[in-house]
Amino acid sequence: MEKIKQTCLHEQHLLLNAKMEEFAGYDMPIVYDNIKSEHIAVRTNVGIFDVSHMGEFFVRGTDAERFVDHIFTNCVIGKEGGSVTYGMLCYENGTIVDDLLVYKYNSEEFLLVVNASNIAKDYEWVVNQTGDFDVTVKNVSDEYSEVAIQGPKAEAVIINLLGIDLRYLQFFHFGTFQFHNCQVLISRTGYTGEDGFEIYSDTSAIRDIWKIFMDAKITPCGLGSRDTLRFEAALPLYGHEISDEITPLEAGLKFFTKIDEENDFLGKTALLKQKEAGLTRRVVGIEISKMAIPRAGYKVFVGEEEVGYITTGYLSITLNKPIALAMINRPYTKKGTEVQIQIRNKFVTGFVRNKKFLNKNYKTEEL
C-alpha cells in the first residue's frame, strides 16, 4: 500500500487540532473548528486553505502554445502572458480526463494546475499526447506548495499581512512577487465563488505565510468548507459533476469548451456530434421542499421513473435550505419540474431550478 503523503503544513494542522482524513493520497485537514464557521468566514471575511496537494505540470517548448491548445477545451492562443484559463482535458469520446487551470507565461511556457486525485493519471495522459510537438512536460507537483486565501477581504488582508500589493491583479490573471527573499506566484481565481488568491511557492515561504496568517487570527479552513463553498457557487468537482463518464456539455460547461471556434482539441469531434444529436441528460440545480439532505448518489425519480442521480447535495449554509446538483435525463431538466429524491427508504419532493444558488462575488463578473 502506498504511503499517505503529507503537505508542508501537516504539523501546523495537527497543532490546530484539525480533523485529518486521507484525500487524494494526502493526509488533509477536513475541518478545524466547524464547517459552518469556516464557510461563513469565507463568505463574509477571509479564510485560508492548505491546497498543497494540487498537481502542477510545466509545459515548455517552441510548440507549447499549439500543444496546450490541442489538449485543452478552451483557447490559449492569443491570450496574454499572465492570463489564467479554465477548461478541461477530454478523451477522444468527449468525456473528461480532468478540469484544470492553465497559466500562460508566454507562448513557450505554461503551467497546468490539476486536481490532486488525478495527478498521476493526468501526467501520463498529457505526456502521451506530445507526439511530434516540440515540448517537454515536467511534473513539479512535489516542488510546489500552495495556499488559497479566499473571501471579500482577501485582497486587503494580503496587502496588510504580506506587504504584496495585488490591487492591479485582475480576475483570472497571475503574477510573480518577492516574499522573504523567495519568489511566489500569485493568481486571482478561487474555488469558492468569492474573490480570492492562490499563492504558490516553496515549502519555507508557504510555512511562513501560514504562520503570519495564523498569528493574525485568520480563519483556517478545511476541505469540508471548500466543498460546501464551491457547491453553492455551482463549481464542478471531479468525480461528481464531471468525470470520465460525463462530457463538458452534459456538465453545463460549454462556455469553457470552444467547439464552435476554429481551434481543434482532443474530443472536439465527439462533442460536436453530441451537440448535433442533442443532449440526453445534463446537470441541473434542485431545491428540496423540506429539511432533508440529498447526498451524492441518491436516485432521482419522476413518478415511478428513475430519471437521474444527485451529484452533490447539502443543506446550504448561506441559504439555509437543502439544495443539490443532479444529473437528470431530458425532458425532465426543465425548470420547475417536480422530482422525488430517494433518501434512504423515503421519497422527498423537490423541483428543478437553475444552478445559480447565489451571486458570485468575484472582482469581475466573467471568466
Protein backbone atom coordinates (compact mmCIF):
# COMPACT_ATOMS: atom_id res chain seq x y z
CA MET A 1 0.00 0.00 0.00
CA GLU A 2 1.30 3.45 -0.96
CA LYS A 3 2.23 5.64 1.98
CA ILE A 4 -0.11 8.58 2.63
CA LYS A 5 1.64 11.86 1.83
CA GLN A 6 1.76 14.98 3.97
CA THR A 7 1.84 18.61 2.92
CA CYS A 8 4.43 21.00 4.31
CA LEU A 9 1.76 22.34 6.72
CA HIS A 10 0.86 18.97 8.22
CA GLU A 11 2.34 19.70 11.66
CA GLN A 12 0.55 23.05 11.78
CA HIS A 13 -2.78 21.32 11.10
CA LEU A 14 -2.15 18.91 13.97
CA LEU A 15 -1.28 21.79 16.31
CA LEU A 16 -4.65 23.35 15.41
CA ASN A 17 -6.41 20.06 16.25
CA ALA A 18 -7.75 19.73 12.72
CA LYS A 19 -9.75 16.64 11.87
CA MET A 20 -7.48 14.87 9.39
CA GLU A 21 -8.51 12.37 6.73
CA GLU A 22 -6.93 10.82 3.66
CA PHE A 23 -7.80 12.68 0.47
CA ALA A 24 -6.18 12.06 -2.91
CA GLY A 25 -3.30 10.26 -1.24
CA TYR A 26 -2.64 13.05 1.29
CA ASP A 27 -3.46 13.39 4.97
CA MET A 28 -5.53 16.56 4.73
CA PRO A 29 -7.45 18.80 7.17
CA ILE A 30 -11.20 18.34 6.70
CA VAL A 31 -12.28 20.78 9.40
CA TYR A 32 -10.65 22.80 12.20
CA ASP A 33 -13.45 24.30 14.27
CA ASN A 34 -16.63 23.52 12.32
CA ILE A 35 -17.57 23.63 8.66
CA LYS A 36 -20.26 26.26 9.17
CA SER A 37 -17.98 28.81 10.83
CA GLU A 38 -15.26 28.27 8.23
CA HIS A 39 -17.78 28.61 5.41
CA ILE A 40 -19.20 31.84 6.86
CA ALA A 41 -15.68 33.27 7.35
CA VAL A 42 -15.03 32.93 3.61
CA ARG A 43 -18.43 34.31 2.60
CA THR A 44 -18.16 37.35 4.88
CA ASN A 45 -14.49 37.93 5.69
CA VAL A 46 -11.49 35.78 4.72
CA GLY A 47 -10.19 32.25 5.19
CA ILE A 48 -7.03 30.36 4.26
CA PHE A 49 -6.81 26.81 2.85
CA ASP A 50 -3.87 24.44 2.51
CA VAL A 51 -4.13 23.21 -1.09
CA SER A 52 -0.57 21.96 -1.44
CA HIS A 53 -1.94 18.61 -2.61
CA MET A 54 -2.85 20.05 -6.03
CA GLY A 55 -0.82 18.99 -9.07
CA GLU A 56 1.39 21.22 -11.21
CA PHE A 57 2.94 20.44 -14.60
CA PHE A 58 5.13 22.72 -16.69
CA VAL A 59 4.81 22.55 -20.47
CA ARG A 60 7.71 24.20 -22.27
CA GLY A 61 8.99 24.35 -25.83
CA THR A 62 8.55 26.07 -29.18
CA ASP A 63 5.26 24.22 -29.72
CA ALA A 64 3.95 24.72 -26.16
CA GLU A 65 1.10 27.04 -27.11
CA ARG A 66 -0.02 24.86 -30.00
CA PHE A 67 0.23 21.72 -27.85
CA VAL A 68 -1.81 23.14 -24.96
CA ASP A 69 -4.44 24.32 -27.42
CA HIS A 70 -4.53 20.76 -28.81
CA ILE A 71 -5.27 19.07 -25.46
CA PHE A 72 -7.33 21.82 -23.81
CA THR A 73 -11.02 22.57 -24.42
CA ASN A 74 -10.56 26.31 -24.00
CA CYS A 75 -8.36 28.65 -26.08
CA VAL A 76 -4.90 29.84 -25.05
CA ILE A 77 -3.71 31.09 -28.44
CA GLY A 78 -3.99 34.86 -28.41
CA LYS A 79 -4.22 35.08 -24.62
CA GLU A 80 -1.75 37.44 -22.99
CA GLY A 81 1.11 36.37 -20.76
CA GLY A 82 -0.05 36.33 -17.15
CA SER A 83 -3.51 35.03 -18.02
CA VAL A 84 -5.19 32.04 -16.37
CA THR A 85 -7.73 29.98 -18.30
CA TYR A 86 -10.17 27.36 -17.02
CA GLY A 87 -11.10 24.34 -19.11
CA MET A 88 -10.83 20.58 -19.42
CA LEU A 89 -8.79 17.77 -20.90
CA CYS A 90 -11.01 15.36 -22.83
CA TYR A 91 -10.70 11.85 -24.13
CA GLU A 92 -11.44 11.22 -27.81
CA ASN A 93 -15.02 10.22 -26.88
CA GLY A 94 -15.60 13.65 -25.29
CA THR A 95 -15.63 12.60 -21.64
CA ILE A 96 -13.41 14.40 -19.17
CA VAL A 97 -9.88 13.44 -18.14
CA ASP A 98 -9.83 16.34 -15.67
CA ASP A 99 -10.64 20.02 -15.30
CA LEU A 100 -7.73 22.37 -14.72
CA LEU A 101 -6.32 25.88 -14.80
CA VAL A 102 -3.77 26.85 -17.44
CA TYR A 103 -1.30 29.60 -16.52
CA LYS A 104 0.31 31.22 -19.55
CA TYR A 105 3.75 32.76 -19.02
CA ASN A 106 4.33 33.18 -22.76
CA SER A 107 3.82 31.15 -25.93
CA GLU A 108 6.59 28.73 -24.93
CA GLU A 109 5.85 28.20 -21.23
CA PHE A 110 2.65 27.11 -19.47
CA LEU A 111 1.77 25.83 -16.01
CA LEU A 112 -1.09 23.32 -15.77
CA VAL A 113 -2.73 23.02 -12.33
CA VAL A 114 -4.72 19.80 -11.99
CA ASN A 115 -6.76 18.03 -9.34
CA ALA A 116 -4.83 16.21 -6.64
CA SER A 117 -6.67 12.92 -7.13
CA ASN A 118 -5.74 12.86 -10.82
CA ILE A 119 -2.06 13.87 -10.82
CA ALA A 120 -0.56 10.55 -11.97
CA LYS A 121 -3.34 9.84 -14.48
CA ASP A 122 -3.26 13.39 -15.91
CA TYR A 123 0.52 13.47 -16.24
CA GLU A 124 0.62 10.17 -18.11
CA TRP A 125 -2.20 11.32 -20.39
CA VAL A 126 -0.61 14.68 -21.16
CA VAL A 127 2.80 13.11 -21.88
CA ASN A 128 1.16 10.54 -24.16
CA GLN A 129 -0.28 13.34 -26.31
CA THR A 130 3.04 15.09 -27.01
CA GLY A 131 3.75 13.10 -30.19
CA ASP A 132 5.67 15.26 -32.67
CA PHE A 133 5.12 18.50 -30.73
CA ASP A 134 8.38 20.19 -29.70
CA VAL A 135 7.54 20.31 -25.99
CA THR A 136 8.69 18.92 -22.68
CA VAL A 137 6.27 18.16 -19.85
CA LYS A 138 7.56 18.14 -16.28
CA ASN A 139 5.61 17.14 -13.19
CA VAL A 140 6.66 19.63 -10.48
CA SER A 141 3.87 18.79 -8.02
CA ASP A 142 6.31 17.84 -5.26
CA GLU A 143 8.30 21.06 -5.70
CA TYR A 144 5.40 23.44 -5.05
CA SER A 145 3.28 24.13 -2.01
CA GLU A 146 0.15 26.26 -2.18
CA VAL A 147 -2.35 28.12 -0.04
CA ALA A 148 -5.64 29.66 -1.16
CA ILE A 149 -6.80 32.86 0.53
CA GLN A 150 -10.49 33.43 -0.16
CA GLY A 151 -13.16 35.91 0.82
CA PRO A 152 -14.28 39.50 0.23
CA LYS A 153 -11.44 40.82 2.41
CA ALA A 154 -8.72 38.60 0.88
CA GLU A 155 -7.07 41.41 -1.09
CA ALA A 156 -6.87 43.79 1.87
CA VAL A 157 -5.59 41.08 4.22
CA ILE A 158 -2.80 40.00 1.85
CA ILE A 159 -1.71 43.61 1.32
CA ASN A 160 -1.71 44.20 5.07
CA LEU A 161 -0.08 40.96 6.24
CA LEU A 162 2.32 40.17 3.40
CA GLY A 163 3.02 43.65 2.04
CA ILE A 164 2.22 42.48 -1.50
CA ASP A 165 0.06 44.90 -3.46
CA LEU A 166 -2.39 42.86 -5.51
CA ARG A 167 -4.84 45.60 -6.39
CA TYR A 168 -3.80 45.61 -10.04
CA LEU A 169 -4.11 41.81 -10.42
CA GLN A 170 -7.21 41.15 -12.49
CA PHE A 171 -9.52 38.17 -12.17
CA PHE A 172 -8.04 35.07 -13.82
CA HIS A 173 -4.55 36.56 -14.04
CA PHE A 174 -1.32 35.87 -12.16
CA GLY A 175 2.00 37.46 -11.37
CA THR A 176 5.28 36.69 -9.63
CA PHE A 177 6.29 38.56 -6.47
CA GLN A 178 9.08 38.60 -3.91
CA PHE A 179 8.35 37.48 -0.37
CA HIS A 180 11.07 36.85 2.27
CA ASN A 181 13.68 36.52 -0.48
CA CYS A 182 11.55 33.87 -2.18
CA GLN A 183 9.68 34.11 -5.44
CA VAL A 184 5.96 33.44 -5.14
CA LEU A 185 3.39 33.02 -7.88
CA ILE A 186 0.01 34.56 -7.03
CA SER A 187 -3.15 34.14 -9.08
CA ARG A 188 -6.60 35.61 -8.64
CA THR A 189 -9.09 32.83 -9.33
CA GLY A 190 -10.61 30.83 -6.49
CA TYR A 191 -12.92 27.89 -5.97
CA THR A 192 -15.45 29.40 -3.59
CA GLY A 193 -17.47 31.98 -5.52
CA GLU A 194 -15.68 34.75 -3.60
CA ASP A 195 -12.76 36.97 -4.52
CA GLY A 196 -9.55 35.19 -3.69
CA PHE A 197 -5.98 34.30 -4.46
CA GLU A 198 -3.72 31.27 -4.72
CA ILE A 199 -0.11 31.54 -3.60
CA TYR A 200 2.43 29.01 -4.93
CA SER A 201 5.98 28.79 -3.67
CA ASP A 202 8.48 26.54 -1.97
CA THR A 203 7.94 24.92 1.42
CA SER A 204 9.64 27.61 3.51
CA ALA A 205 7.69 30.52 2.04
CA ILE A 206 4.33 28.77 2.38
CA ARG A 207 5.07 27.85 6.01
CA ASP A 208 5.98 31.47 6.73
CA ILE A 209 2.80 32.74 5.09
CA TRP A 210 0.66 30.26 7.03
CA LYS A 211 2.25 31.34 10.32
CA ILE A 212 1.68 35.03 9.55
CA PHE A 213 -2.00 34.32 8.86
CA MET A 214 -2.40 32.18 12.00
CA ASP A 215 -0.71 34.86 14.15
CA ALA A 216 -3.21 37.36 12.71
CA LYS A 217 -6.11 35.04 13.69
CA ILE A 218 -7.22 34.47 10.09
CA THR A 219 -9.60 31.50 9.92
CA PRO A 220 -8.00 28.25 8.72
CA CYS A 221 -10.42 26.31 6.51
CA GLY A 222 -10.50 22.63 5.66
CA LEU A 223 -11.64 20.62 2.67
CA GLY A 224 -15.14 20.33 4.16
CA SER A 225 -15.92 24.02 3.79
CA ARG A 226 -14.03 24.14 0.49
CA ASP A 227 -16.63 21.67 -0.82
CA THR A 228 -19.68 23.47 0.60
CA LEU A 229 -18.40 26.78 -0.79
CA ARG A 230 -17.66 25.52 -4.31
CA PHE A 231 -21.01 23.70 -4.36
CA GLU A 232 -23.02 26.83 -3.53
CA ALA A 233 -21.19 28.56 -6.38
CA ALA A 234 -22.13 25.62 -8.68
CA LEU A 235 -18.46 24.91 -9.41
CA PRO A 236 -17.83 21.30 -10.50
CA LEU A 237 -15.88 18.66 -8.62
CA TYR A 238 -14.22 15.79 -10.44
CA GLY A 239 -15.97 12.52 -9.67
CA HIS A 240 -19.25 14.35 -9.10
CA GLU A 241 -20.36 16.89 -11.75
CA ILE A 242 -17.56 15.88 -14.13
CA SER A 243 -15.81 12.56 -14.75
CA ASP A 244 -14.61 10.13 -17.40
CA GLU A 245 -18.28 9.25 -17.93
CA ILE A 246 -19.54 12.83 -18.32
CA THR A 247 -18.88 15.33 -21.12
CA PRO A 248 -18.41 19.08 -20.65
CA LEU A 249 -21.72 19.69 -22.45
CA GLU A 250 -23.61 17.42 -20.06
CA ALA A 251 -21.91 19.18 -17.15
CA GLY A 252 -23.09 22.58 -18.41
CA LEU A 253 -19.53 23.74 -19.17
CA LYS A 254 -19.97 24.63 -22.85
CA PHE A 255 -18.68 28.16 -22.18
CA PHE A 256 -15.26 26.64 -21.45
CA THR A 257 -15.44 24.21 -24.37
CA LYS A 258 -14.74 26.01 -27.64
CA ILE A 259 -16.43 23.60 -30.02
CA ASP A 260 -17.87 26.44 -32.14
CA GLU A 261 -14.48 28.00 -32.87
CA GLU A 262 -11.70 27.10 -35.30
CA ASN A 263 -9.40 25.52 -32.73
CA ASP A 264 -9.15 21.76 -32.77
CA PHE A 265 -8.77 19.87 -29.49
CA LEU A 266 -8.94 16.24 -28.49
CA GLY A 267 -12.55 15.17 -28.07
CA LYS A 268 -13.98 18.03 -30.15
CA THR A 269 -15.35 15.77 -32.89
CA ALA A 270 -17.28 13.67 -30.36
CA LEU A 271 -18.63 16.78 -28.64
CA LEU A 272 -19.81 18.27 -31.93
CA LYS A 273 -21.65 15.04 -32.67
CA GLN A 274 -23.23 15.11 -29.21
CA LYS A 275 -24.32 18.71 -29.72
CA GLU A 276 -25.82 17.94 -33.13
CA ALA A 277 -27.66 14.86 -31.83
CA GLY A 278 -28.91 16.75 -28.78
CA LEU A 279 -28.10 16.09 -25.15
CA THR A 280 -29.97 13.29 -23.44
CA ARG A 281 -29.07 14.50 -19.94
CA ARG A 282 -27.41 17.40 -18.13
CA VAL A 283 -26.50 18.70 -14.67
CA VAL A 284 -29.22 20.89 -13.14
CA GLY A 285 -29.96 22.52 -9.82
CA ILE A 286 -32.54 21.05 -7.48
CA GLU A 287 -34.23 22.63 -4.49
CA ILE A 288 -35.79 20.40 -1.82
CA SER A 289 -39.18 21.19 -0.28
CA LYS A 290 -38.34 20.03 3.26
CA MET A 291 -35.33 19.82 5.56
CA ALA A 292 -33.87 16.62 4.14
CA ILE A 293 -30.35 16.47 2.72
CA PRO A 294 -29.85 14.86 -0.71
CA ARG A 295 -26.43 13.20 -0.74
CA ALA A 296 -24.30 12.33 -3.77
CA GLY A 297 -25.52 9.17 -5.45
CA TYR A 298 -29.13 9.35 -4.26
CA LYS A 299 -31.58 8.45 -7.02
CA VAL A 300 -33.99 10.95 -8.55
CA PHE A 301 -37.44 9.96 -9.83
CA VAL A 302 -40.36 11.48 -11.68
CA GLY A 303 -43.30 9.37 -10.70
CA GLU A 304 -42.05 5.81 -10.81
CA GLU A 305 -39.41 6.52 -13.47
CA GLU A 306 -35.78 6.86 -12.36
CA VAL A 307 -34.51 9.94 -14.18
CA GLY A 308 -31.12 10.68 -12.65
CA TYR A 309 -28.96 10.99 -9.57
CA ILE A 310 -27.61 13.59 -7.16
CA THR A 311 -24.02 14.64 -7.90
CA THR A 312 -23.64 16.88 -4.81
CA GLY A 313 -26.13 17.90 -2.14
CA TYR A 314 -26.03 19.87 1.11
CA LEU A 315 -28.07 21.97 3.48
CA SER A 316 -26.81 25.26 2.08
CA ILE A 317 -25.11 27.20 4.85
CA THR A 318 -25.67 30.55 3.12
CA LEU A 319 -29.28 29.93 2.09
CA ASN A 320 -30.28 27.65 5.00
CA LYS A 321 -32.17 25.28 2.73
CA PRO A 322 -31.37 21.93 1.11
CA ILE A 323 -30.20 22.17 -2.49
CA ALA A 324 -28.39 19.86 -4.87
CA LEU A 325 -26.75 19.45 -8.21
CA ALA A 326 -28.03 16.45 -10.14
CA MET A 327 -27.53 14.68 -13.45
CA ILE A 328 -31.04 14.45 -14.90
CA ASN A 329 -32.35 12.88 -18.10
CA ARG A 330 -34.23 15.01 -20.58
CA PRO A 331 -37.03 16.08 -20.82
CA TYR A 332 -37.08 16.34 -17.01
CA THR A 333 -34.40 19.06 -16.96
CA LYS A 334 -36.90 21.89 -17.44
CA LYS A 335 -37.09 24.43 -14.62
CA GLY A 336 -39.98 23.79 -12.30
CA THR A 337 -40.17 20.05 -13.00
CA GLU A 338 -41.21 18.25 -9.82
CA VAL A 339 -38.97 15.36 -8.82
CA GLN A 340 -38.69 12.93 -5.94
CA ILE A 341 -35.34 12.12 -4.34
CA GLN A 342 -34.95 8.77 -2.65
CA ILE A 343 -33.34 9.50 0.71
CA ARG A 344 -32.79 6.13 2.37
CA ASN A 345 -36.23 4.48 2.32
CA LYS A 346 -38.27 7.67 1.86
CA PHE A 347 -39.06 9.93 -1.09
CA VAL A 348 -38.69 13.69 -0.69
CA THR A 349 -40.15 16.16 -3.18
CA GLY A 350 -38.08 18.79 -4.90
CA PHE A 351 -38.06 20.77 -8.13
CA VAL A 352 -35.59 21.54 -10.88
CA ARG A 353 -34.15 25.05 -10.75
CA ASN A 354 -31.17 26.90 -12.17
CA LYS A 355 -27.72 26.31 -10.71
CA LYS A 356 -27.31 29.94 -9.66
CA PHE A 357 -27.76 29.29 -5.96
CA LEU A 358 -26.02 32.56 -5.09
CA ASN A 359 -24.36 35.52 -6.77
CA LYS A 360 -20.62 35.09 -7.15
CA ASN A 361 -18.55 37.83 -5.57
CA TYR A 362 -15.59 37.96 -7.97
CA LYS A 363 -13.67 41.12 -8.73
CA THR A 364 -15.13 40.93 -12.23
CA GLU A 365 -18.13 39.01 -13.44
CA GLU A 366 -16.74 36.88 -16.25
CA LEU A 367 -14.11 34.17 -16.52
